[in-house]
């Protein structure tokens, strides 16, 4: 399990993010405050406060390098 911070501050970013991670069989959770939602759910993502960074928890050990490469446009350094 790995956790990174991401920013999804536009509708296109949310759409592209969901399309990018649905290619993987792993589970992804987005955490914002006390809310935890499935990161593959567009409706769930839009229920969060997207003006703030989100914590993305990746439940995978096998495809982690490939997943991190796909997440680069959304990561907060």
PDB file of N, CA and C in Angstrom:
ATOM      1  N   UNK A   1       0.848  -1.182   0.000  1.00  0.00           N
ATOM      2  CA  UNK A   1       0.000   0.000   0.000  1.00  0.00           C
ATOM      3  C   UNK A   1       0.891   1.241   0.000  1.00  0.00           C
ATOM      4  N   UNK A   2       0.587   2.166  -0.889  1.00  0.00           N
ATOM      5  CA  UNK A   2       1.352   3.403  -1.035  1.00  0.00           C
ATOM      6  C   UNK A   2       0.387   4.576  -1.041  1.00  0.00           C
ATOM      7  N   UNK A   3       0.784   5.688  -0.437  1.00  0.00           N
ATOM      8  CA  UNK A   3      -0.056   6.887  -0.442  1.00  0.00           C
ATOM      9  C   UNK A   3       0.730   8.046  -1.037  1.00  0.00           C
ATOM     10  N   UNK A   4       0.090   8.769  -1.972  1.00  0.00           N
ATOM     11  CA  UNK A   4       0.688   9.953  -2.595  1.00  0.00           C
ATOM     12  C   UNK A   4      -0.343  11.079  -2.568  1.00  0.00           C
ATOM     13  N   UNK A   5       0.139  12.309  -2.716  1.00  0.00           N
ATOM     14  CA  UNK A   5      -0.765  13.456  -2.799  1.00  0.00           C
ATOM     15  C   UNK A   5      -0.953  13.846  -4.247  1.00  0.00           C
ATOM     16  N   UNK A   6      -2.218  14.070  -4.621  1.00  0.00           N
ATOM     17  CA  UNK A   6      -2.525  14.483  -5.989  1.00  0.00           C
ATOM     18  C   UNK A   6      -3.431  15.707  -5.953  1.00  0.00           C
ATOM     19  N   UNK A   7      -3.522  16.367  -7.110  1.00  0.00           N
ATOM     20  CA  UNK A   7      -4.405  17.523  -7.254  1.00  0.00           C
ATOM     21  C   UNK A   7      -5.269  17.283  -8.484  1.00  0.00           C
ATOM     22  N   UNK A   8      -6.583  17.349  -8.298  1.00  0.00           N
ATOM     23  CA  UNK A   8      -7.535  17.187  -9.408  1.00  0.00           C
ATOM     24  C   UNK A   8      -8.414  18.431  -9.435  1.00  0.00           C
ATOM     25  N   UNK A   9      -7.867  19.524  -9.968  1.00  0.00           N
ATOM     26  CA  UNK A   9      -8.549  20.811  -9.866  1.00  0.00           C
ATOM     27  C   UNK A   9      -9.271  21.243 -11.134  1.00  0.00           C
ATOM     28  N   UNK A  10      -9.577  20.289 -12.031  1.00  0.00           N
ATOM     29  CA  UNK A  10     -10.387  20.618 -13.204  1.00  0.00           C
ATOM     30  C   UNK A  10     -11.181  19.386 -13.627  1.00  0.00           C
ATOM     31  N   UNK A  11     -12.251  19.622 -14.341  1.00  0.00           N
ATOM     32  CA  UNK A  11     -13.104  18.512 -14.802  1.00  0.00           C
ATOM     33  C   UNK A  11     -12.318  17.575 -15.711  1.00  0.00           C
ATOM     34  N   UNK A  12     -11.511  18.136 -16.607  1.00  0.00           N
ATOM     35  CA  UNK A  12     -10.716  17.293 -17.509  1.00  0.00           C
ATOM     36  C   UNK A  12      -9.701  16.450 -16.753  1.00  0.00           C
ATOM     37  N   UNK A  13      -9.085  17.024 -15.723  1.00  0.00           N
ATOM     38  CA  UNK A  13      -8.126  16.257 -14.914  1.00  0.00           C
ATOM     39  C   UNK A  13      -8.810  15.078 -14.237  1.00  0.00           C
ATOM     40  N   UNK A  14     -10.015  15.294 -13.716  1.00  0.00           N
ATOM     41  CA  UNK A  14     -10.754  14.214 -13.056  1.00  0.00           C
ATOM     42  C   UNK A  14     -11.071  13.115 -14.069  1.00  0.00           C
ATOM     43  N   UNK A  15     -11.572  13.508 -15.228  1.00  0.00           N
ATOM     44  CA  UNK A  15     -11.932  12.529 -16.263  1.00  0.00           C
ATOM     45  C   UNK A  15     -10.714  11.734 -16.719  1.00  0.00           C
ATOM     46  N   UNK A  16      -9.621  12.423 -16.986  1.00  0.00           N
ATOM     47  CA  UNK A  16      -8.399  11.744 -17.427  1.00  0.00           C
ATOM     48  C   UNK A  16      -7.835  10.842 -16.331  1.00  0.00           C
ATOM     49  N   UNK A  17      -7.882  11.315 -15.072  1.00  0.00           N
ATOM     50  CA  UNK A  17      -7.393  10.528 -13.947  1.00  0.00           C
ATOM     51  C   UNK A  17      -8.155   9.205 -13.834  1.00  0.00           C
ATOM     52  N   UNK A  18      -9.480   9.276 -13.878  1.00  0.00           N
ATOM     53  CA  UNK A  18     -10.296   8.059 -13.754  1.00  0.00           C
ATOM     54  C   UNK A  18     -10.017   7.118 -14.923  1.00  0.00           C
ATOM     55  N   UNK A  19      -9.920   7.661 -16.134  1.00  0.00           N
ATOM     56  CA  UNK A  19      -9.599   6.823 -17.298  1.00  0.00           C
ATOM     57  C   UNK A  19      -8.230   6.168 -17.150  1.00  0.00           C
ATOM     58  N   UNK A  20      -7.268   6.886 -16.608  1.00  0.00           N
ATOM     59  CA  UNK A  20      -5.915   6.350 -16.448  1.00  0.00           C
ATOM     60  C   UNK A  20      -5.866   5.213 -15.429  1.00  0.00           C
ATOM     61  N   UNK A  21      -6.526   5.372 -14.289  1.00  0.00           N
ATOM     62  CA  UNK A  21      -6.394   4.349 -13.247  1.00  0.00           C
ATOM     63  C   UNK A  21      -7.322   3.155 -13.444  1.00  0.00           C
ATOM     64  N   UNK A  22      -8.371   3.304 -14.228  1.00  0.00           N
ATOM     65  CA  UNK A  22      -9.263   2.157 -14.443  1.00  0.00           C
ATOM     66  C   UNK A  22      -8.592   1.068 -15.270  1.00  0.00           C
ATOM     67  N   UNK A  23      -7.467   1.376 -15.900  1.00  0.00           N
ATOM     68  CA  UNK A  23      -6.712   0.360 -16.650  1.00  0.00           C
ATOM     69  C   UNK A  23      -6.089  -0.683 -15.732  1.00  0.00           C
ATOM     70  N   UNK A  24      -5.965  -0.348 -14.450  1.00  0.00           N
ATOM     71  CA  UNK A  24      -5.309  -1.243 -13.486  1.00  0.00           C
ATOM     72  C   UNK A  24      -6.358  -2.001 -12.670  1.00  0.00           C
ATOM     73  N   UNK A  25      -6.022  -3.244 -12.320  1.00  0.00           N
ATOM     74  CA  UNK A  25      -6.929  -4.058 -11.505  1.00  0.00           C
ATOM     75  C   UNK A  25      -6.873  -3.689 -10.028  1.00  0.00           C
ATOM     76  N   UNK A  26      -5.899  -2.914  -9.647  1.00  0.00           N
ATOM     77  CA  UNK A  26      -5.706  -2.557  -8.235  1.00  0.00           C
ATOM     78  C   UNK A  26      -6.826  -1.652  -7.738  1.00  0.00           C
ATOM     79  N   UNK A  27      -6.957  -1.596  -6.405  1.00  0.00           N
ATOM     80  CA  UNK A  27      -7.909  -0.677  -5.790  1.00  0.00           C
ATOM     81  C   UNK A  27      -7.209   0.633  -5.458  1.00  0.00           C
ATOM     82  N   UNK A  28      -7.945   1.730  -5.618  1.00  0.00           N
ATOM     83  CA  UNK A  28      -7.437   3.072  -5.334  1.00  0.00           C
ATOM     84  C   UNK A  28      -8.470   3.791  -4.474  1.00  0.00           C
ATOM     85  N   UNK A  29      -8.030   4.423  -3.390  1.00  0.00           N
ATOM     86  CA  UNK A  29      -8.919   5.212  -2.541  1.00  0.00           C
ATOM     87  C   UNK A  29      -8.434   6.650  -2.516  1.00  0.00           C
ATOM     88  N   UNK A  30      -9.387   7.582  -2.573  1.00  0.00           N
ATOM     89  CA  UNK A  30      -9.073   8.999  -2.394  1.00  0.00           C
ATOM     90  C   UNK A  30      -9.551   9.418  -1.019  1.00  0.00           C
ATOM     91  N   UNK A  31      -8.681  10.109  -0.283  1.00  0.00           N
ATOM     92  CA  UNK A  31      -8.997  10.538   1.076  1.00  0.00           C
ATOM     93  C   UNK A  31      -8.949  12.057   1.131  1.00  0.00           C
ATOM     94  N   UNK A  32     -10.042  12.629   1.619  1.00  0.00           N
ATOM     95  CA  UNK A  32     -10.118  14.077   1.811  1.00  0.00           C
ATOM     96  C   UNK A  32     -10.770  14.307   3.167  1.00  0.00           C
ATOM     97  N   UNK A  33      -9.955  14.694   4.138  1.00  0.00           N
ATOM     98  CA  UNK A  33     -10.481  14.855   5.493  1.00  0.00           C
ATOM     99  C   UNK A  33     -10.929  13.509   6.036  1.00  0.00           C
ATOM    100  N   UNK A  34     -12.208  13.410   6.406  1.00  0.00           N
ATOM    101  CA  UNK A  34     -12.715  12.142   6.944  1.00  0.00           C
ATOM    102  C   UNK A  34     -13.424  11.309   5.886  1.00  0.00           C
ATOM    103  N   UNK A  35     -13.419  11.761   4.644  1.00  0.00           N
ATOM    104  CA  UNK A  35     -14.093  11.046   3.563  1.00  0.00           C
ATOM    105  C   UNK A  35     -13.106  10.162   2.804  1.00  0.00           C
ATOM    106  N   UNK A  36     -13.514   8.933   2.529  1.00  0.00           N
ATOM    107  CA  UNK A  36     -12.729   7.999   1.726  1.00  0.00           C
ATOM    108  C   UNK A  36     -13.647   7.492   0.629  1.00  0.00           C
ATOM    109  N   UNK A  37     -13.238   7.677  -0.633  1.00  0.00           N
ATOM    110  CA  UNK A  37     -14.071   7.229  -1.748  1.00  0.00           C
ATOM    111  C   UNK A  37     -13.222   6.403  -2.714  1.00  0.00           C
ATOM    112  N   UNK A  38     -13.908   5.618  -3.535  1.00  0.00           N
ATOM    113  CA  UNK A  38     -13.257   4.832  -4.577  1.00  0.00           C
ATOM    114  C   UNK A  38     -12.760   5.798  -5.652  1.00  0.00           C
ATOM    115  N   UNK A  39     -11.465   5.783  -5.919  1.00  0.00           N
ATOM    116  CA  UNK A  39     -10.885   6.739  -6.866  1.00  0.00           C
ATOM    117  C   UNK A  39     -11.310   6.460  -8.304  1.00  0.00           C
ATOM    118  N   UNK A  40     -11.913   5.313  -8.569  1.00  0.00           N
ATOM    119  CA  UNK A  40     -12.380   5.005  -9.921  1.00  0.00           C
ATOM    120  C   UNK A  40     -13.807   5.502 -10.163  1.00  0.00           C
ATOM    121  N   UNK A  41     -14.391   6.182  -9.176  1.00  0.00           N
ATOM    122  CA  UNK A  41     -15.757   6.694  -9.258  1.00  0.00           C
ATOM    123  C   UNK A  41     -15.751   8.197  -9.525  1.00  0.00           C
ATOM    124  N   UNK A  42     -16.148   8.578 -10.734  1.00  0.00           N
ATOM    125  CA  UNK A  42     -16.198  10.008 -11.080  1.00  0.00           C
ATOM    126  C   UNK A  42     -17.159  10.748 -10.156  1.00  0.00           C
ATOM    127  N   UNK A  43     -18.325  10.166  -9.919  1.00  0.00           N
ATOM    128  CA  UNK A  43     -19.305  10.825  -9.046  1.00  0.00           C
ATOM    129  C   UNK A  43     -18.747  10.983  -7.630  1.00  0.00           C
ATOM    130  N   UNK A  44     -18.038   9.969  -7.150  1.00  0.00           N
ATOM    131  CA  UNK A  44     -17.431  10.057  -5.827  1.00  0.00           C
ATOM    132  C   UNK A  44     -16.407  11.168  -5.744  1.00  0.00           C
ATOM    133  N   UNK A  45     -15.582  11.287  -6.776  1.00  0.00           N
ATOM    134  CA  UNK A  45     -14.553  12.331  -6.795  1.00  0.00           C
ATOM    135  C   UNK A  45     -15.192  13.714  -6.765  1.00  0.00           C
ATOM    136  N   UNK A  46     -16.272  13.899  -7.515  1.00  0.00           N
ATOM    137  CA  UNK A  46     -16.911  15.216  -7.543  1.00  0.00           C
ATOM    138  C   UNK A  46     -17.620  15.549  -6.232  1.00  0.00           C
ATOM    139  N   UNK A  47     -17.765  14.573  -5.328  1.00  0.00           N
ATOM    140  CA  UNK A  47     -18.353  14.868  -4.017  1.00  0.00           C
ATOM    141  C   UNK A  47     -17.309  15.424  -3.048  1.00  0.00           C
ATOM    142  N   UNK A  48     -16.036  15.404  -3.450  1.00  0.00           N
ATOM    143  CA  UNK A  48     -14.951  15.901  -2.596  1.00  0.00           C
ATOM    144  C   UNK A  48     -14.642  17.362  -2.890  1.00  0.00           C
ATOM    145  N   UNK A  49     -13.914  17.998  -1.989  1.00  0.00           N
ATOM    146  CA  UNK A  49     -13.435  19.371  -2.189  1.00  0.00           C
ATOM    147  C   UNK A  49     -12.188  19.302  -3.067  1.00  0.00           C
ATOM    148  N   UNK A  50     -12.337  19.618  -4.349  1.00  0.00           N
ATOM    149  CA  UNK A  50     -11.237  19.482  -5.304  1.00  0.00           C
ATOM    150  C   UNK A  50     -10.302  20.686  -5.327  1.00  0.00           C
ATOM    151  N   UNK A  51     -10.565  21.680  -4.482  1.00  0.00           N
ATOM    152  CA  UNK A  51      -9.662  22.833  -4.420  1.00  0.00           C
ATOM    153  C   UNK A  51      -8.455  22.537  -3.532  1.00  0.00           C
ATOM    154  N   UNK A  52      -8.494  21.399  -2.832  1.00  0.00           N
ATOM    155  CA  UNK A  52      -7.398  21.020  -1.942  1.00  0.00           C
ATOM    156  C   UNK A  52      -6.752  19.730  -2.443  1.00  0.00           C
ATOM    157  N   UNK A  53      -5.485  19.517  -2.068  1.00  0.00           N
ATOM    158  CA  UNK A  53      -4.833  18.250  -2.434  1.00  0.00           C
ATOM    159  C   UNK A  53      -5.558  17.060  -1.811  1.00  0.00           C
ATOM    160  N   UNK A  54      -5.530  15.935  -2.516  1.00  0.00           N
ATOM    161  CA  UNK A  54      -6.154  14.700  -2.045  1.00  0.00           C
ATOM    162  C   UNK A  54      -5.073  13.653  -1.819  1.00  0.00           C
ATOM    163  N   UNK A  55      -5.293  12.778  -0.849  1.00  0.00           N
ATOM    164  CA  UNK A  55      -4.391  11.652  -0.637  1.00  0.00           C
ATOM    165  C   UNK A  55      -4.920  10.459  -1.412  1.00  0.00           C
ATOM    166  N   UNK A  56      -4.093   9.907  -2.272  1.00  0.00           N
ATOM    167  CA  UNK A  56      -4.455   8.730  -3.052  1.00  0.00           C
ATOM    168  C   UNK A  56      -3.736   7.527  -2.455  1.00  0.00           C
ATOM    169  N   UNK A  57      -4.513   6.550  -2.015  1.00  0.00           N
ATOM    170  CA  UNK A  57      -3.945   5.316  -1.485  1.00  0.00           C
ATOM    171  C   UNK A  57      -4.035   4.252  -2.567  1.00  0.00           C
ATOM    172  N   UNK A  58      -2.883   3.683  -2.907  1.00  0.00           N
ATOM    173  CA  UNK A  58      -2.790   2.669  -3.968  1.00  0.00           C
ATOM    174  C   UNK A  58      -2.619   1.315  -3.294  1.00  0.00           C
ATOM    175  N   UNK A  59      -3.569   0.423  -3.510  1.00  0.00           N
ATOM    176  CA  UNK A  59      -3.524  -0.914  -2.900  1.00  0.00           C
ATOM    177  C   UNK A  59      -2.943  -1.898  -3.912  1.00  0.00           C
ATOM    178  N   UNK A  60      -1.650  -1.755  -4.197  1.00  0.00           N
ATOM    179  CA  UNK A  60      -0.982  -2.623  -5.157  1.00  0.00           C
ATOM    180  C   UNK A  60       0.497  -2.681  -4.832  1.00  0.00           C
ATOM    181  N   UNK A  61       1.073  -3.817  -5.063  1.00  0.00           N
ATOM    182  CA  UNK A  61       2.517  -3.963  -4.917  1.00  0.00           C
ATOM    183  C   UNK A  61       3.154  -4.361  -6.245  1.00  0.00           C
ATOM    184  N   UNK A  62       2.348  -4.883  -7.160  1.00  0.00           N
ATOM    185  CA  UNK A  62       2.903  -5.446  -8.395  1.00  0.00           C
ATOM    186  C   UNK A  62       3.128  -4.410  -9.485  1.00  0.00           C
ATOM    187  N   UNK A  63       2.155  -3.560  -9.764  1.00  0.00           N
ATOM    188  CA  UNK A  63       2.245  -2.614 -10.886  1.00  0.00           C
ATOM    189  C   UNK A  63       2.662  -1.220 -10.440  1.00  0.00           C
ATOM    190  N   UNK A  64       3.277  -1.093  -9.284  1.00  0.00           N
ATOM    191  CA  UNK A  64       3.500   0.222  -8.687  1.00  0.00           C
ATOM    192  C   UNK A  64       4.313   1.166  -9.568  1.00  0.00           C
ATOM    193  N   UNK A  65       5.366   0.670 -10.220  1.00  0.00           N
ATOM    194  CA  UNK A  65       6.171   1.538 -11.095  1.00  0.00           C
ATOM    195  C   UNK A  65       5.346   2.082 -12.247  1.00  0.00           C
ATOM    196  N   UNK A  66       4.555   1.225 -12.865  1.00  0.00           N
ATOM    197  CA  UNK A  66       3.711   1.646 -13.988  1.00  0.00           C
ATOM    198  C   UNK A  66       2.627   2.614 -13.511  1.00  0.00           C
ATOM    199  N   UNK A  67       2.036   2.335 -12.364  1.00  0.00           N
ATOM    200  CA  UNK A  67       1.003   3.218 -11.808  1.00  0.00           C
ATOM    201  C   UNK A  67       1.585   4.601 -11.516  1.00  0.00           C
ATOM    202  N   UNK A  68       2.758   4.653 -10.899  1.00  0.00           N
ATOM    203  CA  UNK A  68       3.378   5.940 -10.574  1.00  0.00           C
ATOM    204  C   UNK A  68       3.698   6.740 -11.833  1.00  0.00           C
ATOM    205  N   UNK A  69       4.081   6.061 -12.903  1.00  0.00           N
ATOM    206  CA  UNK A  69       4.346   6.736 -14.178  1.00  0.00           C
ATOM    207  C   UNK A  69       3.068   7.375 -14.716  1.00  0.00           C
ATOM    208  N   UNK A  70       1.949   6.658 -14.634  1.00  0.00           N
ATOM    209  CA  UNK A  70       0.663   7.162 -15.113  1.00  0.00           C
ATOM    210  C   UNK A  70       0.174   8.326 -14.252  1.00  0.00           C
ATOM    211  N   UNK A  71       0.514   8.325 -12.973  1.00  0.00           N
ATOM    212  CA  UNK A  71       0.044   9.362 -12.054  1.00  0.00           C
ATOM    213  C   UNK A  71       0.850  10.654 -12.096  1.00  0.00           C
ATOM    214  N   UNK A  72       1.976  10.665 -12.803  1.00  0.00           N
ATOM    215  CA  UNK A  72       2.859  11.844 -12.808  1.00  0.00           C
ATOM    216  C   UNK A  72       2.156  13.181 -13.059  1.00  0.00           C
ATOM    217  N   UNK A  73       1.203  13.270 -14.008  1.00  0.00           N
ATOM    218  CA  UNK A  73       0.565  14.582 -14.247  1.00  0.00           C
ATOM    219  C   UNK A  73      -0.272  15.091 -13.068  1.00  0.00           C
ATOM    220  N   UNK A  74      -0.626  14.214 -12.150  1.00  0.00           N
ATOM    221  CA  UNK A  74      -1.520  14.590 -11.050  1.00  0.00           C
ATOM    222  C   UNK A  74      -0.797  14.751  -9.713  1.00  0.00           C
ATOM    223  N   UNK A  75       0.443  14.291  -9.628  1.00  0.00           N
ATOM    224  CA  UNK A  75       1.173  14.288  -8.362  1.00  0.00           C
ATOM    225  C   UNK A  75       1.576  15.700  -7.932  1.00  0.00           C
ATOM    226  N   UNK A  76       1.580  15.898  -6.612  1.00  0.00           N
ATOM    227  CA  UNK A  76       2.108  17.121  -6.025  1.00  0.00           C
ATOM    228  C   UNK A  76       3.505  16.794  -5.536  1.00  0.00           C
ATOM    229  N   UNK A  77       4.478  17.548  -5.980  1.00  0.00           N
ATOM    230  CA  UNK A  77       5.885  17.270  -5.623  1.00  0.00           C
ATOM    231  C   UNK A  77       6.147  17.640  -4.183  1.00  0.00           C
TER     232      UNK A  77
END
